[in-house]
């Protein structure tokens, strides 16, 4: 499992990135218990988007070798995923979000 809140593979991801190897996180948006955090909600509110969009954007900005495959059960969730793929988080946003998993 790897996502905004569960960061146990940080060092592995960095080693794999240095070697040009992809990393596919398991439960990138929290799985059966979606990620919840006041910091995540605050960043999402500032950006005018859903928390899961922000969580996906964070993963995509975390490292170029991360290839998340977020599950979806509805068109609304698919739209959130697409939105997340297009978000650009500021340095301040990333710093605030990084604090969730550390």
PDB file of N, CA and C in Angstrom:
ATOM      1  N   UNK A   1       0.845  -1.171   0.000  1.00  0.00           N
ATOM      2  CA  UNK A   1       0.000   0.000   0.000  1.00  0.00           C
ATOM      3  C   UNK A   1       0.895   1.240   0.000  1.00  0.00           C
ATOM      4  N   UNK A   2       0.578   2.158  -0.888  1.00  0.00           N
ATOM      5  CA  UNK A   2       1.296   3.427  -0.913  1.00  0.00           C
ATOM      6  C   UNK A   2       0.335   4.512  -1.367  1.00  0.00           C
ATOM      7  N   UNK A   3       0.264   5.553  -0.564  1.00  0.00           N
ATOM      8  CA  UNK A   3      -0.555   6.717  -0.905  1.00  0.00           C
ATOM      9  C   UNK A   3      -0.109   7.874  -0.014  1.00  0.00           C
ATOM     10  N   UNK A   4      -0.839   8.944  -0.061  1.00  0.00           N
ATOM     11  CA  UNK A   4      -0.509  10.152   0.676  1.00  0.00           C
ATOM     12  C   UNK A   4      -0.307   9.901   2.171  1.00  0.00           C
ATOM     13  N   UNK A   5      -1.066   8.989   2.744  1.00  0.00           N
ATOM     14  CA  UNK A   5      -0.991   8.716   4.181  1.00  0.00           C
ATOM     15  C   UNK A   5      -0.076   7.548   4.535  1.00  0.00           C
ATOM     16  N   UNK A   6       0.133   6.638   3.610  1.00  0.00           N
ATOM     17  CA  UNK A   6       0.945   5.432   3.855  1.00  0.00           C
ATOM     18  C   UNK A   6       2.182   5.502   2.968  1.00  0.00           C
ATOM     19  N   UNK A   7       3.296   5.929   3.567  1.00  0.00           N
ATOM     20  CA  UNK A   7       4.487   6.285   2.808  1.00  0.00           C
ATOM     21  C   UNK A   7       5.670   5.360   3.076  1.00  0.00           C
ATOM     22  N   UNK A   8       5.417   4.121   3.399  1.00  0.00           N
ATOM     23  CA  UNK A   8       6.488   3.199   3.782  1.00  0.00           C
ATOM     24  C   UNK A   8       7.473   2.917   2.646  1.00  0.00           C
ATOM     25  N   UNK A   9       7.067   3.103   1.411  1.00  0.00           N
ATOM     26  CA  UNK A   9       7.931   2.787   0.269  1.00  0.00           C
ATOM     27  C   UNK A   9       8.658   4.002  -0.296  1.00  0.00           C
ATOM     28  N   UNK A  10       8.736   5.093   0.432  1.00  0.00           N
ATOM     29  CA  UNK A  10       9.389   6.295  -0.093  1.00  0.00           C
ATOM     30  C   UNK A  10      10.802   6.020  -0.608  1.00  0.00           C
ATOM     31  N   UNK A  11      11.613   5.358   0.191  1.00  0.00           N
ATOM     32  CA  UNK A  11      13.003   5.095  -0.215  1.00  0.00           C
ATOM     33  C   UNK A  11      13.050   4.160  -1.417  1.00  0.00           C
ATOM     34  N   UNK A  12      12.179   3.152  -1.430  1.00  0.00           N
ATOM     35  CA  UNK A  12      12.126   2.225  -2.561  1.00  0.00           C
ATOM     36  C   UNK A  12      11.753   2.969  -3.845  1.00  0.00           C
ATOM     37  N   UNK A  13      10.767   3.837  -3.765  1.00  0.00           N
ATOM     38  CA  UNK A  13      10.340   4.609  -4.939  1.00  0.00           C
ATOM     39  C   UNK A  13      11.494   5.448  -5.473  1.00  0.00           C
ATOM     40  N   UNK A  14      12.238   6.069  -4.588  1.00  0.00           N
ATOM     41  CA  UNK A  14      13.379   6.879  -5.016  1.00  0.00           C
ATOM     42  C   UNK A  14      14.456   6.023  -5.683  1.00  0.00           C
ATOM     43  N   UNK A  15      14.738   4.834  -5.130  1.00  0.00           N
ATOM     44  CA  UNK A  15      15.732   3.932  -5.744  1.00  0.00           C
ATOM     45  C   UNK A  15      15.263   3.469  -7.113  1.00  0.00           C
ATOM     46  N   UNK A  16      13.983   3.095  -7.204  1.00  0.00           N
ATOM     47  CA  UNK A  16      13.441   2.642  -8.485  1.00  0.00           C
ATOM     48  C   UNK A  16      13.480   3.762  -9.521  1.00  0.00           C
ATOM     49  N   UNK A  17      13.153   4.973  -9.114  1.00  0.00           N
ATOM     50  CA  UNK A  17      13.185   6.117 -10.036  1.00  0.00           C
ATOM     51  C   UNK A  17      14.596   6.333 -10.568  1.00  0.00           C
ATOM     52  N   UNK A  18      15.586   6.213  -9.694  1.00  0.00           N
ATOM     53  CA  UNK A  18      16.983   6.382 -10.117  1.00  0.00           C
ATOM     54  C   UNK A  18      17.379   5.339 -11.157  1.00  0.00           C
ATOM     55  N   UNK A  19      16.758   4.160 -11.082  1.00  0.00           N
ATOM     56  CA  UNK A  19      17.051   3.079 -12.027  1.00  0.00           C
ATOM     57  C   UNK A  19      16.094   3.050 -13.214  1.00  0.00           C
ATOM     58  N   UNK A  20      15.149   3.993 -13.252  1.00  0.00           N
ATOM     59  CA  UNK A  20      14.198   4.054 -14.356  1.00  0.00           C
ATOM     60  C   UNK A  20      13.145   2.962 -14.325  1.00  0.00           C
ATOM     61  N   UNK A  21      12.812   2.489 -13.119  1.00  0.00           N
ATOM     62  CA  UNK A  21      11.837   1.404 -12.948  1.00  0.00           C
ATOM     63  C   UNK A  21      10.525   1.980 -12.414  1.00  0.00           C
ATOM     64  N   UNK A  22       9.429   1.551 -12.997  1.00  0.00           N
ATOM     65  CA  UNK A  22       8.104   2.030 -12.584  1.00  0.00           C
ATOM     66  C   UNK A  22       7.699   1.437 -11.241  1.00  0.00           C
ATOM     67  N   UNK A  23       6.849   2.165 -10.545  1.00  0.00           N
ATOM     68  CA  UNK A  23       6.272   1.718  -9.277  1.00  0.00           C
ATOM     69  C   UNK A  23       4.763   1.909  -9.380  1.00  0.00           C
ATOM     70  N   UNK A  24       4.012   0.843  -9.168  1.00  0.00           N
ATOM     71  CA  UNK A  24       2.548   0.905  -9.209  1.00  0.00           C
ATOM     72  C   UNK A  24       2.037   0.744  -7.778  1.00  0.00           C
ATOM     73  N   UNK A  25       1.525   1.826  -7.185  1.00  0.00           N
ATOM     74  CA  UNK A  25       1.068   1.754  -5.794  1.00  0.00           C
ATOM     75  C   UNK A  25      -0.251   0.997  -5.650  1.00  0.00           C
ATOM     76  N   UNK A  26      -0.346   0.235  -4.592  1.00  0.00           N
ATOM     77  CA  UNK A  26      -1.557  -0.485  -4.232  1.00  0.00           C
ATOM     78  C   UNK A  26      -2.402   0.448  -3.377  1.00  0.00           C
ATOM     79  N   UNK A  27      -3.705   0.538  -3.649  1.00  0.00           N
ATOM     80  CA  UNK A  27      -4.625   1.441  -2.955  1.00  0.00           C
ATOM     81  C   UNK A  27      -4.112   2.890  -2.965  1.00  0.00           C
ATOM     82  N   UNK A  28      -3.885   3.457  -4.156  1.00  0.00           N
ATOM     83  CA  UNK A  28      -3.325   4.807  -4.228  1.00  0.00           C
ATOM     84  C   UNK A  28      -4.224   5.902  -3.655  1.00  0.00           C
ATOM     85  N   UNK A  29      -5.521   5.617  -3.530  1.00  0.00           N
ATOM     86  CA  UNK A  29      -6.438   6.603  -2.946  1.00  0.00           C
ATOM     87  C   UNK A  29      -7.049   6.105  -1.638  1.00  0.00           C
ATOM     88  N   UNK A  30      -6.459   5.084  -1.067  1.00  0.00           N
ATOM     89  CA  UNK A  30      -6.899   4.595   0.229  1.00  0.00           C
ATOM     90  C   UNK A  30      -7.682   3.310   0.193  1.00  0.00           C
ATOM     91  N   UNK A  31      -8.112   2.864  -0.961  1.00  0.00           N
ATOM     92  CA  UNK A  31      -8.837   1.602  -1.062  1.00  0.00           C
ATOM     93  C   UNK A  31     -10.251   1.687  -0.532  1.00  0.00           C
ATOM     94  N   UNK A  32     -10.610   0.713   0.292  1.00  0.00           N
ATOM     95  CA  UNK A  32     -11.974   0.627   0.803  1.00  0.00           C
ATOM     96  C   UNK A  32     -12.284   1.716   1.829  1.00  0.00           C
ATOM     97  N   UNK A  33     -11.237   2.332   2.368  1.00  0.00           N
ATOM     98  CA  UNK A  33     -11.383   3.455   3.289  1.00  0.00           C
ATOM     99  C   UNK A  33     -10.670   4.642   2.658  1.00  0.00           C
ATOM    100  N   UNK A  34     -11.374   5.436   1.860  1.00  0.00           N
ATOM    101  CA  UNK A  34     -10.729   6.551   1.171  1.00  0.00           C
ATOM    102  C   UNK A  34      -9.975   7.476   2.123  1.00  0.00           C
ATOM    103  N   UNK A  35      -8.907   8.050   1.624  1.00  0.00           N
ATOM    104  CA  UNK A  35      -8.088   8.957   2.414  1.00  0.00           C
ATOM    105  C   UNK A  35      -8.913  10.110   2.960  1.00  0.00           C
ATOM    106  N   UNK A  36      -8.669  10.435   4.221  1.00  0.00           N
ATOM    107  CA  UNK A  36      -9.343  11.564   4.852  1.00  0.00           C
ATOM    108  C   UNK A  36      -8.332  12.299   5.715  1.00  0.00           C
ATOM    109  N   UNK A  37      -8.284  13.596   5.544  1.00  0.00           N
ATOM    110  CA  UNK A  37      -7.353  14.420   6.316  1.00  0.00           C
ATOM    111  C   UNK A  37      -7.813  15.862   6.217  1.00  0.00           C
ATOM    112  N   UNK A  38      -7.673  16.584   7.297  1.00  0.00           N
ATOM    113  CA  UNK A  38      -8.045  18.000   7.257  1.00  0.00           C
ATOM    114  C   UNK A  38      -7.129  18.759   6.302  1.00  0.00           C
ATOM    115  N   UNK A  39      -5.855  18.385   6.247  1.00  0.00           N
ATOM    116  CA  UNK A  39      -4.924  19.045   5.317  1.00  0.00           C
ATOM    117  C   UNK A  39      -5.320  18.757   3.872  1.00  0.00           C
ATOM    118  N   UNK A  40      -5.672  17.522   3.584  1.00  0.00           N
ATOM    119  CA  UNK A  40      -6.107  17.151   2.233  1.00  0.00           C
ATOM    120  C   UNK A  40      -7.365  17.923   1.853  1.00  0.00           C
ATOM    121  N   UNK A  41      -8.308  17.993   2.765  1.00  0.00           N
ATOM    122  CA  UNK A  41      -9.545  18.741   2.510  1.00  0.00           C
ATOM    123  C   UNK A  41      -9.276  20.227   2.318  1.00  0.00           C
ATOM    124  N   UNK A  42      -8.341  20.786   3.090  1.00  0.00           N
ATOM    125  CA  UNK A  42      -8.016  22.211   2.978  1.00  0.00           C
ATOM    126  C   UNK A  42      -7.392  22.535   1.623  1.00  0.00           C
ATOM    127  N   UNK A  43      -6.459  21.698   1.182  1.00  0.00           N
ATOM    128  CA  UNK A  43      -5.835  21.924  -0.126  1.00  0.00           C
ATOM    129  C   UNK A  43      -6.882  21.794  -1.218  1.00  0.00           C
ATOM    130  N   UNK A  44      -7.731  20.776  -1.127  1.00  0.00           N
ATOM    131  CA  UNK A  44      -8.786  20.583  -2.131  1.00  0.00           C
ATOM    132  C   UNK A  44      -9.727  21.784  -2.181  1.00  0.00           C
ATOM    133  N   UNK A  45     -10.092  22.310  -1.025  1.00  0.00           N
ATOM    134  CA  UNK A  45     -10.981  23.470  -0.986  1.00  0.00           C
ATOM    135  C   UNK A  45     -10.322  24.685  -1.641  1.00  0.00           C
ATOM    136  N   UNK A  46      -9.036  24.896  -1.353  1.00  0.00           N
ATOM    137  CA  UNK A  46      -8.318  26.026  -1.972  1.00  0.00           C
ATOM    138  C   UNK A  46      -8.272  25.895  -3.486  1.00  0.00           C
ATOM    139  N   UNK A  47      -8.150  24.658  -3.964  1.00  0.00           N
ATOM    140  CA  UNK A  47      -8.058  24.423  -5.402  1.00  0.00           C
ATOM    141  C   UNK A  47      -9.422  24.251  -6.062  1.00  0.00           C
ATOM    142  N   UNK A  48     -10.468  24.191  -5.256  1.00  0.00           N
ATOM    143  CA  UNK A  48     -11.814  24.034  -5.795  1.00  0.00           C
ATOM    144  C   UNK A  48     -12.055  22.691  -6.432  1.00  0.00           C
ATOM    145  N   UNK A  49     -11.511  21.650  -5.813  1.00  0.00           N
ATOM    146  CA  UNK A  49     -11.649  20.304  -6.368  1.00  0.00           C
ATOM    147  C   UNK A  49     -11.856  19.291  -5.251  1.00  0.00           C
ATOM    148  N   UNK A  50     -11.999  18.036  -5.606  1.00  0.00           N
ATOM    149  CA  UNK A  50     -12.245  16.968  -4.634  1.00  0.00           C
ATOM    150  C   UNK A  50     -10.939  16.509  -3.977  1.00  0.00           C
ATOM    151  N   UNK A  51     -11.010  16.090  -2.717  1.00  0.00           N
ATOM    152  CA  UNK A  51      -9.810  15.589  -2.038  1.00  0.00           C
ATOM    153  C   UNK A  51      -9.112  14.454  -2.786  1.00  0.00           C
ATOM    154  N   UNK A  52      -9.871  13.546  -3.397  1.00  0.00           N
ATOM    155  CA  UNK A  52      -9.238  12.432  -4.101  1.00  0.00           C
ATOM    156  C   UNK A  52      -8.492  12.909  -5.345  1.00  0.00           C
ATOM    157  N   UNK A  53      -8.954  13.996  -5.955  1.00  0.00           N
ATOM    158  CA  UNK A  53      -8.229  14.585  -7.088  1.00  0.00           C
ATOM    159  C   UNK A  53      -6.867  15.091  -6.618  1.00  0.00           C
ATOM    160  N   UNK A  54      -6.857  15.722  -5.458  1.00  0.00           N
ATOM    161  CA  UNK A  54      -5.608  16.243  -4.891  1.00  0.00           C
ATOM    162  C   UNK A  54      -4.683  15.090  -4.506  1.00  0.00           C
ATOM    163  N   UNK A  55      -5.225  14.038  -3.905  1.00  0.00           N
ATOM    164  CA  UNK A  55      -4.405  12.889  -3.513  1.00  0.00           C
ATOM    165  C   UNK A  55      -3.762  12.244  -4.735  1.00  0.00           C
ATOM    166  N   UNK A  56      -4.493  12.150  -5.821  1.00  0.00           N
ATOM    167  CA  UNK A  56      -3.943  11.590  -7.050  1.00  0.00           C
ATOM    168  C   UNK A  56      -2.882  12.524  -7.639  1.00  0.00           C
ATOM    169  N   UNK A  57      -3.140  13.820  -7.633  1.00  0.00           N
ATOM    170  CA  UNK A  57      -2.157  14.793  -8.127  1.00  0.00           C
ATOM    171  C   UNK A  57      -0.864  14.698  -7.321  1.00  0.00           C
ATOM    172  N   UNK A  58      -0.984  14.526  -6.003  1.00  0.00           N
ATOM    173  CA  UNK A  58       0.202  14.405  -5.155  1.00  0.00           C
ATOM    174  C   UNK A  58       1.030  13.193  -5.581  1.00  0.00           C
ATOM    175  N   UNK A  59       0.364  12.061  -5.800  1.00  0.00           N
ATOM    176  CA  UNK A  59       1.082  10.857  -6.241  1.00  0.00           C
ATOM    177  C   UNK A  59       1.821  11.105  -7.552  1.00  0.00           C
ATOM    178  N   UNK A  60       1.139  11.724  -8.494  1.00  0.00           N
ATOM    179  CA  UNK A  60       1.732  11.950  -9.807  1.00  0.00           C
ATOM    180  C   UNK A  60       2.906  12.931  -9.746  1.00  0.00           C
ATOM    181  N   UNK A  61       2.874  13.858  -8.800  1.00  0.00           N
ATOM    182  CA  UNK A  61       3.982  14.793  -8.632  1.00  0.00           C
ATOM    183  C   UNK A  61       5.075  14.243  -7.730  1.00  0.00           C
ATOM    184  N   UNK A  62       4.763  13.214  -6.957  1.00  0.00           N
ATOM    185  CA  UNK A  62       5.730  12.648  -6.010  1.00  0.00           C
ATOM    186  C   UNK A  62       6.977  12.144  -6.730  1.00  0.00           C
ATOM    187  N   UNK A  63       6.778  11.441  -7.843  1.00  0.00           N
ATOM    188  CA  UNK A  63       7.905  10.891  -8.592  1.00  0.00           C
ATOM    189  C   UNK A  63       7.425  10.506  -9.986  1.00  0.00           C
ATOM    190  N   UNK A  64       8.258  10.709 -10.998  1.00  0.00           N
ATOM    191  CA  UNK A  64       7.824  10.388 -12.365  1.00  0.00           C
ATOM    192  C   UNK A  64       7.643   8.890 -12.621  1.00  0.00           C
ATOM    193  N   UNK A  65       8.145   8.059 -11.740  1.00  0.00           N
ATOM    194  CA  UNK A  65       8.012   6.609 -11.959  1.00  0.00           C
ATOM    195  C   UNK A  65       6.772   6.018 -11.298  1.00  0.00           C
ATOM    196  N   UNK A  66       5.986   6.826 -10.592  1.00  0.00           N
ATOM    197  CA  UNK A  66       4.758   6.320  -9.969  1.00  0.00           C
ATOM    198  C   UNK A  66       3.656   6.261 -11.019  1.00  0.00           C
ATOM    199  N   UNK A  67       3.081   5.088 -11.162  1.00  0.00           N
ATOM    200  CA  UNK A  67       2.012   4.864 -12.132  1.00  0.00           C
ATOM    201  C   UNK A  67       0.774   4.372 -11.397  1.00  0.00           C
ATOM    202  N   UNK A  68      -0.009   5.283 -10.817  1.00  0.00           N
ATOM    203  CA  UNK A  68      -1.189   4.859 -10.062  1.00  0.00           C
ATOM    204  C   UNK A  68      -2.300   4.355 -10.991  1.00  0.00           C
ATOM    205  N   UNK A  69      -3.007   3.370 -10.519  1.00  0.00           N
ATOM    206  CA  UNK A  69      -4.174   2.852 -11.221  1.00  0.00           C
ATOM    207  C   UNK A  69      -5.332   2.912 -10.222  1.00  0.00           C
ATOM    208  N   UNK A  70      -5.918   4.105 -10.080  1.00  0.00           N
ATOM    209  CA  UNK A  70      -7.003   4.229  -9.098  1.00  0.00           C
ATOM    210  C   UNK A  70      -8.267   3.539  -9.575  1.00  0.00           C
ATOM    211  N   UNK A  71      -8.850   2.774  -8.696  1.00  0.00           N
ATOM    212  CA  UNK A  71     -10.106   2.120  -9.027  1.00  0.00           C
ATOM    213  C   UNK A  71     -11.236   3.136  -9.047  1.00  0.00           C
ATOM    214  N   UNK A  72     -12.276   2.817  -9.768  1.00  0.00           N
ATOM    215  CA  UNK A  72     -13.426   3.706  -9.810  1.00  0.00           C
ATOM    216  C   UNK A  72     -14.683   2.880 -10.014  1.00  0.00           C
ATOM    217  N   UNK A  73     -15.732   3.329  -9.384  1.00  0.00           N
ATOM    218  CA  UNK A  73     -17.006   2.613  -9.512  1.00  0.00           C
ATOM    219  C   UNK A  73     -18.094   3.491 -10.111  1.00  0.00           C
ATOM    220  N   UNK A  74     -17.712   4.692 -10.517  1.00  0.00           N
ATOM    221  CA  UNK A  74     -18.714   5.595 -11.067  1.00  0.00           C
ATOM    222  C   UNK A  74     -18.066   6.600 -12.012  1.00  0.00           C
ATOM    223  N   UNK A  75     -18.879   7.211 -12.826  1.00  0.00           N
ATOM    224  CA  UNK A  75     -18.400   8.250 -13.733  1.00  0.00           C
ATOM    225  C   UNK A  75     -17.891   9.446 -12.924  1.00  0.00           C
ATOM    226  N   UNK A  76     -18.539   9.756 -11.809  1.00  0.00           N
ATOM    227  CA  UNK A  76     -18.097  10.874 -10.969  1.00  0.00           C
ATOM    228  C   UNK A  76     -16.676  10.640 -10.455  1.00  0.00           C
ATOM    229  N   UNK A  77     -16.381   9.410 -10.017  1.00  0.00           N
ATOM    230  CA  UNK A  77     -15.025   9.100  -9.552  1.00  0.00           C
ATOM    231  C   UNK A  77     -14.029   9.167 -10.698  1.00  0.00           C
ATOM    232  N   UNK A  78     -14.436   8.721 -11.869  1.00  0.00           N
ATOM    233  CA  UNK A  78     -13.561   8.806 -13.036  1.00  0.00           C
ATOM    234  C   UNK A  78     -13.224  10.272 -13.331  1.00  0.00           C
ATOM    235  N   UNK A  79     -14.208  11.136 -13.225  1.00  0.00           N
ATOM    236  CA  UNK A  79     -13.970  12.571 -13.448  1.00  0.00           C
ATOM    237  C   UNK A  79     -12.992  13.138 -12.415  1.00  0.00           C
ATOM    238  N   UNK A  80     -13.127  12.714 -11.151  1.00  0.00           N
ATOM    239  CA  UNK A  80     -12.186  13.153 -10.115  1.00  0.00           C
ATOM    240  C   UNK A  80     -10.768  12.701 -10.457  1.00  0.00           C
ATOM    241  N   UNK A  81     -10.641  11.465 -10.935  1.00  0.00           N
ATOM    242  CA  UNK A  81      -9.320  10.942 -11.301  1.00  0.00           C
ATOM    243  C   UNK A  81      -8.717  11.747 -12.452  1.00  0.00           C
ATOM    244  N   UNK A  82      -9.523  12.051 -13.442  1.00  0.00           N
ATOM    245  CA  UNK A  82      -9.041  12.830 -14.582  1.00  0.00           C
ATOM    246  C   UNK A  82      -8.630  14.228 -14.127  1.00  0.00           C
ATOM    247  N   UNK A  83      -9.415  14.824 -13.255  1.00  0.00           N
ATOM    248  CA  UNK A  83      -9.081  16.145 -12.717  1.00  0.00           C
ATOM    249  C   UNK A  83      -7.746  16.092 -11.989  1.00  0.00           C
ATOM    250  N   UNK A  84      -7.559  15.067 -11.163  1.00  0.00           N
ATOM    251  CA  UNK A  84      -6.316  14.919 -10.416  1.00  0.00           C
ATOM    252  C   UNK A  84      -5.103  14.800 -11.316  1.00  0.00           C
ATOM    253  N   UNK A  85      -5.269  14.119 -12.436  1.00  0.00           N
ATOM    254  CA  UNK A  85      -4.154  13.955 -13.363  1.00  0.00           C
ATOM    255  C   UNK A  85      -3.736  15.283 -13.982  1.00  0.00           C
ATOM    256  N   UNK A  86      -4.631  16.250 -14.017  1.00  0.00           N
ATOM    257  CA  UNK A  86      -4.322  17.542 -14.608  1.00  0.00           C
ATOM    258  C   UNK A  86      -3.964  18.636 -13.621  1.00  0.00           C
ATOM    259  N   UNK A  87      -4.027  18.345 -12.324  1.00  0.00           N
ATOM    260  CA  UNK A  87      -3.725  19.366 -11.302  1.00  0.00           C
ATOM    261  C   UNK A  87      -2.222  19.580 -11.156  1.00  0.00           C
ATOM    262  N   UNK A  88      -1.845  20.810 -10.960  1.00  0.00           N
ATOM    263  CA  UNK A  88      -0.465  21.145 -10.629  1.00  0.00           C
ATOM    264  C   UNK A  88      -0.479  21.717  -9.216  1.00  0.00           C
ATOM    265  N   UNK A  89       0.099  20.988  -8.288  1.00  0.00           N
ATOM    266  CA  UNK A  89       0.150  21.426  -6.894  1.00  0.00           C
ATOM    267  C   UNK A  89       1.332  22.364  -6.692  1.00  0.00           C
ATOM    268  N   UNK A  90       1.117  23.402  -5.915  1.00  0.00           N
ATOM    269  CA  UNK A  90       2.211  24.326  -5.594  1.00  0.00           C
ATOM    270  C   UNK A  90       3.147  23.676  -4.582  1.00  0.00           C
ATOM    271  N   UNK A  91       4.309  24.288  -4.413  1.00  0.00           N
ATOM    272  CA  UNK A  91       5.267  23.808  -3.414  1.00  0.00           C
ATOM    273  C   UNK A  91       4.624  23.823  -2.024  1.00  0.00           C
ATOM    274  N   UNK A  92       3.857  24.863  -1.731  1.00  0.00           N
ATOM    275  CA  UNK A  92       3.188  24.973  -0.438  1.00  0.00           C
ATOM    276  C   UNK A  92       2.154  23.856  -0.257  1.00  0.00           C
ATOM    277  N   UNK A  93       1.404  23.552  -1.319  1.00  0.00           N
ATOM    278  CA  UNK A  93       0.434  22.461  -1.253  1.00  0.00           C
ATOM    279  C   UNK A  93       1.130  21.141  -0.955  1.00  0.00           C
ATOM    280  N   UNK A  94       2.201  20.876  -1.683  1.00  0.00           N
ATOM    281  CA  UNK A  94       2.933  19.612  -1.511  1.00  0.00           C
ATOM    282  C   UNK A  94       3.511  19.516  -0.103  1.00  0.00           C
ATOM    283  N   UNK A  95       4.053  20.606   0.401  1.00  0.00           N
ATOM    284  CA  UNK A  95       4.606  20.605   1.760  1.00  0.00           C
ATOM    285  C   UNK A  95       3.519  20.285   2.783  1.00  0.00           C
ATOM    286  N   UNK A  96       2.361  20.894   2.618  1.00  0.00           N
ATOM    287  CA  UNK A  96       1.250  20.638   3.535  1.00  0.00           C
ATOM    288  C   UNK A  96       0.796  19.173   3.435  1.00  0.00           C
ATOM    289  N   UNK A  97       0.705  18.652   2.242  1.00  0.00           N
ATOM    290  CA  UNK A  97       0.263  17.272   2.039  1.00  0.00           C
ATOM    291  C   UNK A  97       1.302  16.267   2.516  1.00  0.00           C
ATOM    292  N   UNK A  98       2.574  16.570   2.309  1.00  0.00           N
ATOM    293  CA  UNK A  98       3.638  15.666   2.770  1.00  0.00           C
ATOM    294  C   UNK A  98       3.568  15.415   4.266  1.00  0.00           C
ATOM    295  N   UNK A  99       3.119  16.405   5.026  1.00  0.00           N
ATOM    296  CA  UNK A  99       3.036  16.271   6.481  1.00  0.00           C
ATOM    297  C   UNK A  99       2.032  15.199   6.904  1.00  0.00           C
ATOM    298  N   UNK A 100       1.109  14.856   6.029  1.00  0.00           N
ATOM    299  CA  UNK A 100       0.086  13.847   6.372  1.00  0.00           C
ATOM    300  C   UNK A 100       0.728  12.494   6.640  1.00  0.00           C
ATOM    301  N   UNK A 101       1.664  12.094   5.801  1.00  0.00           N
ATOM    302  CA  UNK A 101       2.234  10.756   5.908  1.00  0.00           C
ATOM    303  C   UNK A 101       3.517  10.660   6.687  1.00  0.00           C
ATOM    304  N   UNK A 102       3.959  11.764   7.274  1.00  0.00           N
ATOM    305  CA  UNK A 102       5.238  11.713   7.977  1.00  0.00           C
ATOM    306  C   UNK A 102       5.071  11.882   9.457  1.00  0.00           C
TER     307      UNK A 102
END
